[in-house]
Amino acid sequence: ELGATCVFAEPQFEPKLVSTVIEGTDANTGVIDPLGSELEDGPDLYFELIRGMAKSIRSCLSGEG
């Protein structure tokens, strides 16, 4: 109905919700981790977080996700 191309789940939430939301649509799914839950602390944490989210978005939009 809204024409969504991608719908994202977050690692800390149940992924079945996303599956239910996109049921019957052509939308792709992806996982995006805005909290960086699997990243190690360090001086590059923020940059790794942003790169990881960008990669997830790109993959979903290109149909790779």
PDB file of N, CA and C in Angstrom:
ATOM      1  N   GLU A   1       0.816  -1.193   0.000  1.00  0.00           N
ATOM      2  CA  GLU A   1       0.000   0.000   0.000  1.00  0.00           C
ATOM      3  C   GLU A   1       0.861   1.260   0.000  1.00  0.00           C
ATOM      4  N   LEU A   2       1.940   1.261   0.784  1.00  0.00           N
ATOM      5  CA  LEU A   2       2.801   2.436   0.863  1.00  0.00           C
ATOM      6  C   LEU A   2       3.947   2.394  -0.138  1.00  0.00           C
ATOM      7  N   GLY A   3       4.121   1.278  -0.804  1.00  0.00           N
ATOM      8  CA  GLY A   3       5.173   1.161  -1.806  1.00  0.00           C
ATOM      9  C   GLY A   3       6.570   1.052  -1.228  1.00  0.00           C
ATOM     10  N   ALA A   4       6.698   0.493  -0.042  1.00  0.00           N
ATOM     11  CA  ALA A   4       8.014   0.350   0.591  1.00  0.00           C
ATOM     12  C   ALA A   4       8.885  -0.600  -0.226  1.00  0.00           C
ATOM     13  N   THR A   5      10.146  -0.223  -0.390  1.00  0.00           N
ATOM     14  CA  THR A   5      11.108  -1.055  -1.100  1.00  0.00           C
ATOM     15  C   THR A   5      11.835  -1.984  -0.143  1.00  0.00           C
ATOM     16  N   CYS A   6      12.138  -1.470   1.043  1.00  0.00           N
ATOM     17  CA  CYS A   6      12.864  -2.231   2.058  1.00  0.00           C
ATOM     18  C   CYS A   6      12.214  -2.039   3.420  1.00  0.00           C
ATOM     19  N   VAL A   7      12.254  -3.096   4.198  1.00  0.00           N
ATOM     20  CA  VAL A   7      11.822  -3.032   5.593  1.00  0.00           C
ATOM     21  C   VAL A   7      12.938  -3.672   6.401  1.00  0.00           C
ATOM     22  N   PHE A   8      13.353  -2.985   7.450  1.00  0.00           N
ATOM     23  CA  PHE A   8      14.497  -3.438   8.233  1.00  0.00           C
ATOM     24  C   PHE A   8      14.092  -3.956   9.604  1.00  0.00           C
ATOM     25  N   ALA A   9      14.770  -5.019  10.004  1.00  0.00           N
ATOM     26  CA  ALA A   9      14.664  -5.536  11.362  1.00  0.00           C
ATOM     27  C   ALA A   9      15.909  -5.080  12.111  1.00  0.00           C
ATOM     28  N   GLU A  10      15.810  -5.057  13.421  1.00  0.00           N
ATOM     29  CA  GLU A  10      16.966  -4.779  14.263  1.00  0.00           C
ATOM     30  C   GLU A  10      17.270  -6.048  15.045  1.00  0.00           C
ATOM     31  N   PRO A  11      18.552  -6.327  15.309  1.00  0.00           N
ATOM     32  CA  PRO A  11      18.936  -7.588  15.950  1.00  0.00           C
ATOM     33  C   PRO A  11      18.233  -7.858  17.280  1.00  0.00           C
ATOM     34  N   GLN A  12      17.879  -6.821  18.002  1.00  0.00           N
ATOM     35  CA  GLN A  12      17.282  -7.017  19.318  1.00  0.00           C
ATOM     36  C   GLN A  12      15.776  -7.276  19.272  1.00  0.00           C
ATOM     37  N   PHE A  13      15.167  -7.229  18.076  1.00  0.00           N
ATOM     38  CA  PHE A  13      13.732  -7.453  17.945  1.00  0.00           C
ATOM     39  C   PHE A  13      13.454  -8.707  17.128  1.00  0.00           C
ATOM     40  N   GLU A  14      12.277  -9.248  17.303  1.00  0.00           N
ATOM     41  CA  GLU A  14      11.854 -10.470  16.623  1.00  0.00           C
ATOM     42  C   GLU A  14      11.739 -10.241  15.109  1.00  0.00           C
ATOM     43  N   PRO A  15      12.506 -10.975  14.285  1.00  0.00           N
ATOM     44  CA  PRO A  15      12.461 -10.772  12.832  1.00  0.00           C
ATOM     45  C   PRO A  15      11.141 -11.196  12.186  1.00  0.00           C
ATOM     46  N   LYS A  16      10.350 -12.014  12.870  1.00  0.00           N
ATOM     47  CA  LYS A  16       9.068 -12.442  12.305  1.00  0.00           C
ATOM     48  C   LYS A  16       8.130 -11.263  12.079  1.00  0.00           C
ATOM     49  N   LEU A  17       8.284 -10.212  12.861  1.00  0.00           N
ATOM     50  CA  LEU A  17       7.439  -9.032  12.697  1.00  0.00           C
ATOM     51  C   LEU A  17       7.627  -8.435  11.307  1.00  0.00           C
ATOM     52  N   VAL A  18       8.872  -8.340  10.862  1.00  0.00           N
ATOM     53  CA  VAL A  18       9.152  -7.799   9.530  1.00  0.00           C
ATOM     54  C   VAL A  18       8.548  -8.706   8.467  1.00  0.00           C
ATOM     55  N   SER A  19       8.670  -9.997   8.633  1.00  0.00           N
ATOM     56  CA  SER A  19       8.085 -10.938   7.671  1.00  0.00           C
ATOM     57  C   SER A  19       6.576 -10.753   7.566  1.00  0.00           C
ATOM     58  N   THR A  20       5.941 -10.540   8.689  1.00  0.00           N
ATOM     59  CA  THR A  20       4.497 -10.311   8.705  1.00  0.00           C
ATOM     60  C   THR A  20       4.141  -9.005   8.006  1.00  0.00           C
ATOM     61  N   VAL A  21       4.924  -7.970   8.263  1.00  0.00           N
ATOM     62  CA  VAL A  21       4.652  -6.653   7.682  1.00  0.00           C
ATOM     63  C   VAL A  21       4.761  -6.675   6.160  1.00  0.00           C
ATOM     64  N   ILE A  22       5.731  -7.397   5.616  1.00  0.00           N
ATOM     65  CA  ILE A  22       5.940  -7.372   4.160  1.00  0.00           C
ATOM     66  C   ILE A  22       5.200  -8.485   3.424  1.00  0.00           C
ATOM     67  N   GLU A  23       4.495  -9.319   4.146  1.00  0.00           N
ATOM     68  CA  GLU A  23       3.772 -10.420   3.515  1.00  0.00           C
ATOM     69  C   GLU A  23       2.860  -9.891   2.402  1.00  0.00           C
ATOM     70  N   GLY A  24       2.973 -10.486   1.224  1.00  0.00           N
ATOM     71  CA  GLY A  24       2.149 -10.089   0.095  1.00  0.00           C
ATOM     72  C   GLY A  24       2.652  -8.861  -0.648  1.00  0.00           C
ATOM     73  N   THR A  25       3.868  -8.418  -0.334  1.00  0.00           N
ATOM     74  CA  THR A  25       4.445  -7.261  -1.021  1.00  0.00           C
ATOM     75  C   THR A  25       5.721  -7.685  -1.745  1.00  0.00           C
ATOM     76  N   ASP A  26       6.277  -6.770  -2.503  1.00  0.00           N
ATOM     77  CA  ASP A  26       7.548  -7.024  -3.181  1.00  0.00           C
ATOM     78  C   ASP A  26       8.729  -6.450  -2.412  1.00  0.00           C
ATOM     79  N   ALA A  27       8.493  -6.002  -1.193  1.00  0.00           N
ATOM     80  CA  ALA A  27       9.550  -5.364  -0.397  1.00  0.00           C
ATOM     81  C   ALA A  27      10.630  -6.369  -0.012  1.00  0.00           C
ATOM     82  N   ASN A  28      11.854  -5.885   0.033  1.00  0.00           N
ATOM     83  CA  ASN A  28      12.990  -6.673   0.510  1.00  0.00           C
ATOM     84  C   ASN A  28      13.152  -6.440   2.003  1.00  0.00           C
ATOM     85  N   THR A  29      13.876  -7.337   2.640  1.00  0.00           N
ATOM     86  CA  THR A  29      14.157  -7.163   4.063  1.00  0.00           C
ATOM     87  C   THR A  29      15.656  -7.047   4.282  1.00  0.00           C
ATOM     88  N   GLY A  30      15.996  -6.429   5.368  1.00  0.00           N
ATOM     89  CA  GLY A  30      17.388  -6.300   5.759  1.00  0.00           C
ATOM     90  C   GLY A  30      17.475  -6.181   7.264  1.00  0.00           C
ATOM     91  N   VAL A  31      18.676  -6.274   7.770  1.00  0.00           N
ATOM     92  CA  VAL A  31      18.921  -6.090   9.201  1.00  0.00           C
ATOM     93  C   VAL A  31      19.797  -4.866   9.350  1.00  0.00           C
ATOM     94  N   ILE A  32      19.393  -3.987  10.228  1.00  0.00           N
ATOM     95  CA  ILE A  32      20.163  -2.779  10.483  1.00  0.00           C
ATOM     96  C   ILE A  32      20.358  -2.686  11.997  1.00  0.00           C
ATOM     97  N   ASP A  33      21.568  -2.395  12.406  1.00  0.00           N
ATOM     98  CA  ASP A  33      21.909  -2.387  13.832  1.00  0.00           C
ATOM     99  C   ASP A  33      22.362  -0.991  14.264  1.00  0.00           C
ATOM    100  N   PRO A  34      21.411  -0.091  14.546  1.00  0.00           N
ATOM    101  CA  PRO A  34      21.780   1.274  14.912  1.00  0.00           C
ATOM    102  C   PRO A  34      22.473   1.381  16.269  1.00  0.00           C
ATOM    103  N   LEU A  35      22.446   0.309  17.048  1.00  0.00           N
ATOM    104  CA  LEU A  35      23.118   0.315  18.352  1.00  0.00           C
ATOM    105  C   LEU A  35      24.529  -0.254  18.269  1.00  0.00           C
ATOM    106  N   GLY A  36      24.863  -0.882  17.156  1.00  0.00           N
ATOM    107  CA  GLY A  36      26.187  -1.482  17.009  1.00  0.00           C
ATOM    108  C   GLY A  36      26.435  -2.573  18.028  1.00  0.00           C
ATOM    109  N   SER A  37      25.421  -3.375  18.280  1.00  0.00           N
ATOM    110  CA  SER A  37      25.488  -4.374  19.348  1.00  0.00           C
ATOM    111  C   SER A  37      26.590  -5.412  19.163  1.00  0.00           C
ATOM    112  N   GLU A  38      27.031  -5.627  17.941  1.00  0.00           N
ATOM    113  CA  GLU A  38      28.066  -6.633  17.703  1.00  0.00           C
ATOM    114  C   GLU A  38      29.427  -6.023  17.408  1.00  0.00           C
ATOM    115  N   LEU A  39      29.556  -4.723  17.587  1.00  0.00           N
ATOM    116  CA  LEU A  39      30.823  -4.043  17.321  1.00  0.00           C
ATOM    117  C   LEU A  39      31.632  -3.893  18.605  1.00  0.00           C
ATOM    118  N   GLU A  40      32.941  -3.918  18.450  1.00  0.00           N
ATOM    119  CA  GLU A  40      33.824  -3.722  19.597  1.00  0.00           C
ATOM    120  C   GLU A  40      34.045  -2.236  19.831  1.00  0.00           C
ATOM    121  N   ASP A  41      34.163  -1.870  21.104  1.00  0.00           N
ATOM    122  CA  ASP A  41      34.474  -0.483  21.444  1.00  0.00           C
ATOM    123  C   ASP A  41      35.833  -0.111  20.875  1.00  0.00           C
ATOM    124  N   GLY A  42      35.971   1.143  20.538  1.00  0.00           N
ATOM    125  CA  GLY A  42      37.247   1.623  20.034  1.00  0.00           C
ATOM    126  C   GLY A  42      37.062   2.919  19.275  1.00  0.00           C
ATOM    127  N   PRO A  43      38.161   3.489  18.830  1.00  0.00           N
ATOM    128  CA  PRO A  43      38.106   4.789  18.170  1.00  0.00           C
ATOM    129  C   PRO A  43      37.363   4.769  16.828  1.00  0.00           C
ATOM    130  N   ASP A  44      37.210   3.600  16.224  1.00  0.00           N
ATOM    131  CA  ASP A  44      36.528   3.510  14.931  1.00  0.00           C
ATOM    132  C   ASP A  44      35.086   3.022  15.050  1.00  0.00           C
ATOM    133  N   LEU A  45      34.583   2.903  16.270  1.00  0.00           N
ATOM    134  CA  LEU A  45      33.238   2.366  16.486  1.00  0.00           C
ATOM    135  C   LEU A  45      32.181   3.118  15.682  1.00  0.00           C
ATOM    136  N   TYR A  46      32.170   4.433  15.777  1.00  0.00           N
ATOM    137  CA  TYR A  46      31.149   5.221  15.084  1.00  0.00           C
ATOM    138  C   TYR A  46      31.223   4.998  13.577  1.00  0.00           C
ATOM    139  N   PHE A  47      32.431   5.010  13.028  1.00  0.00           N
ATOM    140  CA  PHE A  47      32.596   4.850  11.587  1.00  0.00           C
ATOM    141  C   PHE A  47      32.180   3.452  11.134  1.00  0.00           C
ATOM    142  N   GLU A  48      32.508   2.438  11.920  1.00  0.00           N
ATOM    143  CA  GLU A  48      32.092   1.074  11.606  1.00  0.00           C
ATOM    144  C   GLU A  48      30.573   0.949  11.673  1.00  0.00           C
ATOM    145  N   LEU A  49      29.969   1.610  12.643  1.00  0.00           N
ATOM    146  CA  LEU A  49      28.518   1.596  12.795  1.00  0.00           C
ATOM    147  C   LEU A  49      27.844   2.192  11.558  1.00  0.00           C
ATOM    148  N   ILE A  50      28.303   3.361  11.135  1.00  0.00           N
ATOM    149  CA  ILE A  50      27.722   4.028   9.971  1.00  0.00           C
ATOM    150  C   ILE A  50      27.957   3.215   8.699  1.00  0.00           C
ATOM    151  N   ARG A  51      29.170   2.671   8.537  1.00  0.00           N
ATOM    152  CA  ARG A  51      29.461   1.840   7.360  1.00  0.00           C
ATOM    153  C   ARG A  51      28.567   0.597   7.327  1.00  0.00           C
ATOM    154  N   GLY A  52      28.388  -0.020   8.478  1.00  0.00           N
ATOM    155  CA  GLY A  52      27.545  -1.218   8.554  1.00  0.00           C
ATOM    156  C   GLY A  52      26.102  -0.925   8.188  1.00  0.00           C
ATOM    157  N   MET A  53      25.577   0.191   8.687  1.00  0.00           N
ATOM    158  CA  MET A  53      24.201   0.556   8.349  1.00  0.00           C
ATOM    159  C   MET A  53      24.077   0.892   6.864  1.00  0.00           C
ATOM    160  N   ALA A  54      25.061   1.611   6.321  1.00  0.00           N
ATOM    161  CA  ALA A  54      25.034   1.958   4.894  1.00  0.00           C
ATOM    162  C   ALA A  54      25.075   0.694   4.032  1.00  0.00           C
ATOM    163  N   LYS A  55      25.896  -0.267   4.428  1.00  0.00           N
ATOM    164  CA  LYS A  55      25.999  -1.524   3.680  1.00  0.00           C
ATOM    165  C   LYS A  55      24.667  -2.275   3.703  1.00  0.00           C
ATOM    166  N   SER A  56      24.017  -2.312   4.859  1.00  0.00           N
ATOM    167  CA  SER A  56      22.721  -2.988   4.973  1.00  0.00           C
ATOM    168  C   SER A  56      21.663  -2.316   4.110  1.00  0.00           C
ATOM    169  N   ILE A  57      21.652  -1.000   4.117  1.00  0.00           N
ATOM    170  CA  ILE A  57      20.679  -0.256   3.314  1.00  0.00           C
ATOM    171  C   ILE A  57      20.934  -0.489   1.829  1.00  0.00           C
ATOM    172  N   ARG A  58      22.200  -0.396   1.414  1.00  0.00           N
ATOM    173  CA  ARG A  58      22.554  -0.615   0.009  1.00  0.00           C
ATOM    174  C   ARG A  58      22.165  -2.025  -0.437  1.00  0.00           C
ATOM    175  N   SER A  59      22.458  -3.019   0.386  1.00  0.00           N
ATOM    176  CA  SER A  59      22.132  -4.406   0.035  1.00  0.00           C
ATOM    177  C   SER A  59      20.630  -4.599  -0.130  1.00  0.00           C
ATOM    178  N   CYS A  60      19.866  -4.025   0.766  1.00  0.00           N
ATOM    179  CA  CYS A  60      18.414  -4.174   0.694  1.00  0.00           C
ATOM    180  C   CYS A  60      17.857  -3.473  -0.543  1.00  0.00           C
ATOM    181  N   LEU A  61      18.315  -2.268  -0.793  1.00  0.00           N
ATOM    182  CA  LEU A  61      17.811  -1.512  -1.947  1.00  0.00           C
ATOM    183  C   LEU A  61      18.189  -2.154  -3.278  1.00  0.00           C
ATOM    184  N   SER A  62      19.325  -2.848  -3.306  1.00  0.00           N
ATOM    185  CA  SER A  62      19.758  -3.494  -4.549  1.00  0.00           C
ATOM    186  C   SER A  62      19.186  -4.904  -4.696  1.00  0.00           C
ATOM    187  N   GLY A  63      18.449  -5.359  -3.696  1.00  0.00           N
ATOM    188  CA  GLY A  63      17.853  -6.688  -3.752  1.00  0.00           C
ATOM    189  C   GLY A  63      18.769  -7.795  -3.297  1.00  0.00           C
ATOM    190  N   GLU A  64      19.931  -7.445  -2.745  1.00  0.00           N
ATOM    191  CA  GLU A  64      20.886  -8.452  -2.272  1.00  0.00           C
ATOM    192  C   GLU A  64      20.574  -8.912  -0.856  1.00  0.00           C
ATOM    193  N   GLY A  65      19.752  -8.160  -0.130  1.00  0.00           N
ATOM    194  CA  GLY A  65      19.534  -8.420   1.292  1.00  0.00           C
ATOM    195  C   GLY A  65      18.563  -9.428   1.612  1.00  0.00           C
TER     196      GLY A  65
END
